[in-house]
Structure formats: structure tokens, C-alpha cells
């Protein structure tokens, strides 16, 4: 969707993508990975009541952790989110554990990875209790590993293949490199795949030591796009679903943006009216079609 006064999409040289929520249907992936925890809570009479409530609780905890621990690897953030949501379902707080972890936030290798590893394994009175704790730790880690199972939206891969014919494709994602490698393989596909392409640059929160919407994350990506690909920020088009994490920060930094609205999405839409102020599409596929039409004019 656009007006005649807006610049053409094809005037830009690079698309800087948010991944989770824009290219990957992370809300479905997250909710499916949380299902065992939610079912256990429901059986105990404790519930987050709906998919929307569960995802909003997830987003609230994730945003808080990313703001407090900007150098924590995203896989560890996911473990911590699972711990916190389990505590909410049990109506018990874990803020003290988070506070204890804060002292070590500068070193990724020493950030918390589960409720039992901040200050050493807690004393447990019976072997059954110990096994229960280990099972819960495994569940937290399994939730973090679920990233690799989060699937692309149906239009994503064909759209990326088309867009790669017109732009350099770059990523700025609130994730760590090891976790993104799983997603990258799914998105790019193998040589010979009809939708195969290759990202030209990948920047993560782990690289920038900052999570979006902190301005340092976008500044890191823009600096490296200039240094590595010779692309100035005026030639970059931030392409994202999250208004909170991407569209508003881009606008504040003087970078053009396109909002991929993804009907039905719930997370990252604080300030959603800001997304409608500029170019926006329901899907990435619709954006790719618009680019293809512009290129043929």
C-alpha cells in the first residue's frame, strides 16, 4: 500500500529484515513450544487462559529480560522466559534469581541458563525431587531449542527469492548467531531449491551487544552495511512486522521502513499506528509483488 508521493521501493539498495514475526511465524512456534507448560498449568487449575494471554505474557517477560541483560544470548533468554512463565503459572516469583544473575550480565558464558544454575544447584532433599528439577531444566532448554522448529510464513521463501533479485538482503535480529543458523538454513534453502537465495549480511543482538529497540542495535547494523557493502543508511529499507522493535526505532534514526502487518499478529505492535504512517503490506509476498511491478515499469 502506498501513495503516489512515496518514493519507489526500488530506489533502495538493501532491505534490513526483522526475522521473527516478519519472515518466521514465531507466534505459532512459541505457542506450540509452550503448550506442555500451559497444559500442565491448566491441569493444576492455573492458566494463562488463551493463546493471546500466553503470548502477551511471553512478550512482557522477554522484553524485560532483553532490556536488563543486553549481552545475554537469546537462547538463554528463552530458557529464562520459560522459567518465569512456569513461576507465573505456579504463582511464585523468580525476581530474586534474576537479580542475582544481573551481576554477571557482562559475560555471555556466565549468564543464567536455568533456574538451577545462577548460584549452583540448590540442595534437594530426595532423588525424586532432584529428578524433577532436572526434568524442569530440560524443559527450559528444550523451549530454547525450539527456535529451529519455528516455520516461515507461507509467502516468505518465494518473496525472499524475488526480493533478492532487486536488493541486498540483510538481517538484524534479536537472536544469537548459533540459533539463527538453524533458521537461516530453512529460509535460504539448498542450491537447486527454486526459492534458494543467500543473505548478504547477518547481524544479531549477540554481535551488537544490544537488543532492539535499543538504538545501538540498529546503529551497529547500519555501520556494518556501510563498511562491508558500501550501502549508506539512506539506501536501506527496514522491513519488519514489529512496530515497537523496528519501525519506530528506524524512524527515529532517519531510516525508511516498510511495515509487514501480518494480520492476526499480536506481539511487538505497541504503537501500531506508527506502522500505518508509512509504506505497509499485509504480507512479504505482497511487498515482493509491488517491487516486481515497479521494476517492470
Protein backbone atom coordinates (compact mmCIF):
# COMPACT_ATOMS: atom_id res chain seq x y z
CA UNK A 1 0.00 0.00 0.00
CA UNK A 2 1.39 3.38 -0.89
CA UNK A 3 0.61 6.83 -2.13
CA UNK A 4 1.92 8.44 -5.30
CA UNK A 5 4.04 10.79 -3.19
CA UNK A 6 6.04 8.00 -1.56
CA UNK A 7 9.41 7.03 -3.03
CA UNK A 8 9.58 3.84 -5.01
CA UNK A 9 10.68 0.74 -3.17
CA UNK A 10 13.20 0.07 -5.93
CA UNK A 11 15.13 3.24 -5.16
CA UNK A 12 16.65 1.46 -2.13
CA UNK A 13 19.62 -0.87 -2.35
CA UNK A 14 19.24 -3.03 0.77
CA UNK A 15 16.43 -4.49 2.83
CA UNK A 16 17.20 -4.88 6.53
CA UNK A 17 14.88 -7.57 7.85
CA UNK A 18 13.50 -8.39 11.19
CA UNK A 19 13.12 -12.18 11.10
CA UNK A 20 10.86 -13.50 13.85
CA UNK A 21 7.37 -12.21 13.23
CA UNK A 22 8.24 -10.93 9.75
CA UNK A 23 9.72 -13.97 7.98
CA UNK A 24 9.14 -16.65 10.61
CA UNK A 25 5.78 -17.36 12.24
CA UNK A 26 7.28 -17.19 15.70
CA UNK A 27 3.95 -16.70 17.48
CA UNK A 28 2.77 -20.14 16.37
CA UNK A 29 6.20 -21.61 17.12
CA UNK A 30 6.33 -20.09 20.59
CA UNK A 31 2.79 -21.09 21.48
CA UNK A 32 3.30 -24.67 20.32
CA UNK A 33 6.55 -24.92 22.29
CA UNK A 34 4.81 -23.54 25.39
CA UNK A 35 1.90 -25.98 25.11
CA UNK A 36 3.28 -28.62 27.55
CA UNK A 37 3.82 -25.95 30.20
CA UNK A 38 0.41 -24.37 29.59
CA UNK A 39 -1.36 -27.75 29.70
CA UNK A 40 0.36 -28.62 32.96
CA UNK A 41 -0.70 -25.29 34.41
CA UNK A 42 -4.27 -25.77 33.22
CA UNK A 43 -4.43 -29.24 34.78
CA UNK A 44 -3.32 -27.71 38.08
CA UNK A 45 -6.02 -25.05 37.87
CA UNK A 46 -3.56 -22.32 36.89
CA UNK A 47 -3.80 -20.88 33.39
CA UNK A 48 -2.78 -18.07 31.08
CA UNK A 49 -6.35 -18.52 29.69
CA UNK A 50 -5.70 -18.12 25.95
CA UNK A 51 -3.09 -18.02 23.19
CA UNK A 52 -3.23 -14.22 23.29
CA UNK A 53 -2.70 -14.13 27.06
CA UNK A 54 0.19 -16.60 26.80
CA UNK A 55 1.92 -14.65 24.03
CA UNK A 56 1.46 -11.31 25.77
CA UNK A 57 2.93 -12.80 28.94
CA UNK A 58 5.82 -14.20 26.91
CA UNK A 59 6.46 -10.82 25.23
CA UNK A 60 6.38 -8.96 28.53
CA UNK A 61 8.95 -11.27 30.15
CA UNK A 62 11.19 -11.34 27.05
CA UNK A 63 11.27 -7.55 26.67
CA UNK A 64 12.12 -7.13 30.35
CA UNK A 65 14.98 -9.62 30.19
CA UNK A 66 16.41 -8.17 26.99
CA UNK A 67 16.38 -4.68 28.49
CA UNK A 68 18.06 -5.84 31.70
CA UNK A 69 20.57 -8.26 30.16
CA UNK A 70 21.61 -6.88 26.75
CA UNK A 71 24.51 -9.33 26.40
CA UNK A 72 22.59 -12.47 27.33
CA UNK A 73 22.42 -14.92 24.43
CA UNK A 74 18.91 -15.22 23.06
CA UNK A 75 18.79 -18.97 23.67
CA UNK A 76 19.43 -18.22 27.33
CA UNK A 77 16.76 -15.52 27.28
CA UNK A 78 14.30 -18.16 26.05
CA UNK A 79 15.27 -20.51 28.87
CA UNK A 80 14.76 -17.70 31.35
CA UNK A 81 11.37 -16.80 29.85
CA UNK A 82 10.24 -20.40 30.30
CA UNK A 83 11.38 -20.32 33.92
CA UNK A 84 9.47 -17.09 34.53
CA UNK A 85 6.27 -18.30 32.87
CA UNK A 86 6.39 -21.51 34.90
CA UNK A 87 6.69 -19.37 38.00
CA UNK A 88 3.69 -17.28 36.96
CA UNK A 89 1.60 -20.40 36.48
CA UNK A 90 2.63 -21.53 39.95
CA UNK A 91 2.10 -18.01 41.30
CA UNK A 92 5.69 -17.86 42.55
CA UNK A 93 8.18 -15.10 41.76
CA UNK A 94 11.71 -15.52 40.43
CA UNK A 95 12.80 -11.90 40.54
CA UNK A 96 15.47 -12.69 43.13
CA UNK A 97 17.07 -15.19 40.76
CA UNK A 98 17.08 -12.57 38.02
CA UNK A 99 18.65 -10.04 40.39
CA UNK A 100 21.41 -12.48 41.28
CA UNK A 101 22.13 -13.01 37.60
CA UNK A 102 22.48 -9.30 36.94
CA UNK A 103 25.98 -9.14 38.37
CA UNK A 104 27.24 -11.44 35.63
CA UNK A 105 25.46 -9.89 32.67
CA UNK A 106 28.68 -8.67 31.01
CA UNK A 107 29.89 -12.16 30.10
CA UNK A 108 27.73 -14.33 27.88
CA UNK A 109 29.30 -17.51 29.13
CA UNK A 110 28.26 -16.77 32.70
CA UNK A 111 24.70 -15.61 32.22
CA UNK A 112 21.94 -17.74 33.62
CA UNK A 113 20.70 -20.67 31.61
CA UNK A 114 18.07 -22.08 34.00
CA UNK A 115 16.61 -21.58 37.44
CA UNK A 116 19.12 -24.01 38.91
CA UNK A 117 22.36 -22.53 37.57
CA UNK A 118 22.64 -18.98 38.88
CA UNK A 119 24.47 -19.79 42.13
CA UNK A 120 24.91 -23.54 41.88
CA UNK A 121 22.46 -26.42 42.13
CA UNK A 122 20.11 -25.96 45.08
CA UNK A 123 20.08 -28.60 47.78
CA UNK A 124 17.34 -31.11 47.12
CA UNK A 125 16.06 -33.45 49.77
CA UNK A 126 15.24 -36.53 47.72
CA UNK A 127 16.37 -38.14 44.48
CA UNK A 128 12.82 -37.78 43.16
CA UNK A 129 12.98 -34.04 43.76
CA UNK A 130 16.37 -33.90 42.05
CA UNK A 131 14.99 -35.73 39.03
CA UNK A 132 12.04 -33.34 38.95
CA UNK A 133 14.38 -30.37 38.93
CA UNK A 134 16.44 -31.90 36.13
CA UNK A 135 13.28 -32.54 34.11
CA UNK A 136 12.26 -28.91 34.50
CA UNK A 137 15.75 -27.74 33.48
CA UNK A 138 15.49 -29.94 30.39
CA UNK A 139 12.11 -28.39 29.55
CA UNK A 140 13.59 -24.89 29.77
CA UNK A 141 16.42 -25.89 27.43
CA UNK A 142 14.02 -27.65 25.06
CA UNK A 143 12.00 -24.45 24.77
CA UNK A 144 15.16 -22.57 23.81
CA UNK A 145 16.00 -25.20 21.19
CA UNK A 146 12.53 -24.89 19.65
CA UNK A 147 13.74 -21.93 17.55
CA UNK A 148 14.84 -24.34 14.85
CA UNK A 149 11.28 -25.67 14.57
CA UNK A 150 9.63 -22.27 14.07
CA UNK A 151 8.48 -22.22 10.46
CA UNK A 152 8.39 -19.49 7.79
CA UNK A 153 5.11 -17.88 6.79
CA UNK A 154 3.77 -19.48 3.59
CA UNK A 155 4.75 -16.49 1.44
CA UNK A 156 8.21 -15.90 2.93
CA UNK A 157 10.60 -18.00 0.89
CA UNK A 158 9.22 -17.16 -2.55
CA UNK A 159 9.13 -13.49 -1.59
CA UNK A 160 12.75 -13.52 -0.40
CA UNK A 161 13.88 -15.20 -3.62
CA UNK A 162 12.13 -12.48 -5.64
CA UNK A 163 13.42 -9.64 -3.47
CA UNK A 164 16.99 -10.98 -3.71
CA UNK A 165 16.86 -10.13 -7.43
CA UNK A 166 16.41 -6.44 -6.63
CA UNK A 167 18.16 -5.77 -3.30
CA UNK A 168 20.93 -6.82 -1.00
CA UNK A 169 19.20 -8.76 1.78
CA UNK A 170 20.39 -8.26 5.35
CA UNK A 171 19.15 -9.34 8.76
CA UNK A 172 19.06 -7.51 12.09
CA UNK A 173 17.55 -9.91 14.60
CA UNK A 174 17.20 -10.17 18.36
CA UNK A 175 18.90 -13.54 18.44
CA UNK A 176 22.29 -15.21 18.76
CA UNK A 177 24.25 -16.49 15.79
CA UNK A 178 24.04 -20.21 16.64
CA UNK A 179 20.26 -20.07 16.96
CA UNK A 180 19.85 -18.04 13.77
CA UNK A 181 21.93 -20.56 11.82
CA UNK A 182 19.04 -23.03 12.15
CA UNK A 183 16.55 -20.50 10.82
CA UNK A 184 18.90 -19.35 8.08
CA UNK A 185 19.17 -22.85 6.66
CA UNK A 186 15.38 -23.10 6.50
CA UNK A 187 14.95 -19.70 4.85
CA UNK A 188 17.75 -19.89 2.28
CA UNK A 189 17.25 -23.48 1.25
CA UNK A 190 19.81 -25.53 -0.62
CA UNK A 191 21.25 -24.88 -4.08
CA UNK A 192 18.79 -26.19 -6.63
CA UNK A 193 15.81 -25.21 -4.50
CA UNK A 194 13.55 -22.95 -6.64
CA UNK A 195 13.46 -20.40 -3.81
CA UNK A 196 17.15 -20.59 -2.93
CA UNK A 197 18.91 -17.31 -2.13
CA UNK A 198 21.64 -16.14 0.26
CA UNK A 199 21.50 -13.34 2.81
CA UNK A 200 24.21 -10.78 2.07
CA UNK A 201 24.69 -9.83 5.72
CA UNK A 202 23.51 -11.08 9.11
CA UNK A 203 23.66 -9.00 12.28
CA UNK A 204 22.37 -10.22 15.62
CA UNK A 205 21.86 -8.91 19.13
CA UNK A 206 24.84 -11.05 20.09
CA UNK A 207 27.01 -9.11 17.61
CA UNK A 208 25.72 -5.70 18.69
CA UNK A 209 25.62 -6.46 22.44
CA UNK A 210 22.20 -4.83 22.37
CA UNK A 211 18.64 -5.92 21.75
CA UNK A 212 16.20 -3.95 19.63
CA UNK A 213 14.61 -1.45 20.19
CA UNK A 214 17.81 -0.11 21.77
CA UNK A 215 19.32 2.28 19.17
CA UNK A 216 22.72 0.61 19.44
CA UNK A 217 21.39 -2.46 17.62
CA UNK A 218 20.28 -0.58 14.51
CA UNK A 219 23.37 1.65 14.61
CA UNK A 220 25.56 -1.47 14.59
CA UNK A 221 23.80 -2.87 11.50
CA UNK A 222 23.90 0.44 9.62
CA UNK A 223 27.59 0.91 10.36
CA UNK A 224 28.44 -2.55 9.09
CA UNK A 225 26.26 -2.24 6.00
CA UNK A 226 28.24 0.88 5.13
CA UNK A 227 31.63 -0.64 5.90
CA UNK A 228 31.03 -4.08 4.39
CA UNK A 229 28.66 -3.45 1.49
CA UNK A 230 29.09 0.27 0.85
CA UNK A 231 25.40 0.94 1.48
CA UNK A 232 24.51 4.20 3.24
CA UNK A 233 21.57 4.39 5.62
CA UNK A 234 19.60 6.45 3.06
CA UNK A 235 19.72 3.38 0.80
CA UNK A 236 18.43 0.99 3.49
CA UNK A 237 14.80 -0.04 3.93
CA UNK A 238 13.98 -1.62 7.29
CA UNK A 239 11.39 -4.34 6.62
CA UNK A 240 9.64 -5.59 9.71
CA UNK A 241 6.47 -6.66 11.48
CA UNK A 242 7.37 -5.27 14.89
CA UNK A 243 6.48 -1.60 15.20
CA UNK A 244 7.99 -1.47 18.69
CA UNK A 245 11.29 -3.17 17.90
CA UNK A 246 11.93 -1.98 14.33
CA UNK A 247 9.64 0.56 12.69
CA UNK A 248 9.71 3.20 15.42
CA UNK A 249 13.50 2.89 16.04
CA UNK A 250 14.13 3.16 12.29
CA UNK A 251 12.02 6.28 12.05
CA UNK A 252 13.85 7.85 14.99
CA UNK A 253 17.17 7.08 13.27
CA UNK A 254 16.05 8.62 9.98
CA UNK A 255 15.89 5.27 8.19
CA UNK A 256 13.00 4.37 5.87
CA UNK A 257 10.81 1.45 6.85
CA UNK A 258 8.14 -0.85 5.50
CA UNK A 259 5.70 -2.43 7.91
CA UNK A 260 4.75 -6.06 7.14
CA UNK A 261 1.50 -6.07 9.05
CA UNK A 262 0.87 -9.84 9.21
CA UNK A 263 -2.88 -9.88 10.05
CA UNK A 264 -3.58 -11.51 13.40
CA UNK A 265 -0.11 -10.90 14.83
CA UNK A 266 -0.05 -9.90 18.49
CA UNK A 267 3.50 -9.18 19.63
CA UNK A 268 5.58 -6.07 19.02
CA UNK A 269 2.66 -3.93 17.91
CA UNK A 270 2.81 -1.28 20.65
CA UNK A 271 2.47 1.99 18.79
CA UNK A 272 0.88 0.17 15.83
CA UNK A 273 -0.46 3.42 14.41
CA UNK A 274 3.13 4.38 13.62
CA UNK A 275 3.31 1.48 11.18
CA UNK A 276 0.42 2.87 9.15
CA UNK A 277 2.11 6.24 8.74
CA UNK A 278 4.40 4.81 6.07
CA UNK A 279 4.51 2.08 3.45
CA UNK A 280 2.89 -1.16 4.65
CA UNK A 281 1.78 -4.51 3.30
CA UNK A 282 -0.18 -7.41 4.76
CA UNK A 283 2.48 -9.92 3.75
CA UNK A 284 6.02 -10.00 2.43
CA UNK A 285 4.61 -11.67 -0.67
CA UNK A 286 2.54 -8.56 -1.38
CA UNK A 287 5.63 -6.39 -0.98
CA UNK A 288 7.58 -8.62 -3.38
CA UNK A 289 4.81 -8.29 -5.96
CA UNK A 290 4.88 -4.49 -5.60
CA UNK A 291 8.65 -4.47 -6.13
CA UNK A 292 8.32 -6.71 -9.18
CA UNK A 293 5.72 -4.35 -10.68
CA UNK A 294 7.90 -1.29 -10.03
CA UNK A 295 10.92 -2.96 -11.58
CA UNK A 296 8.97 -3.73 -14.75
CA UNK A 297 7.64 -0.19 -15.22
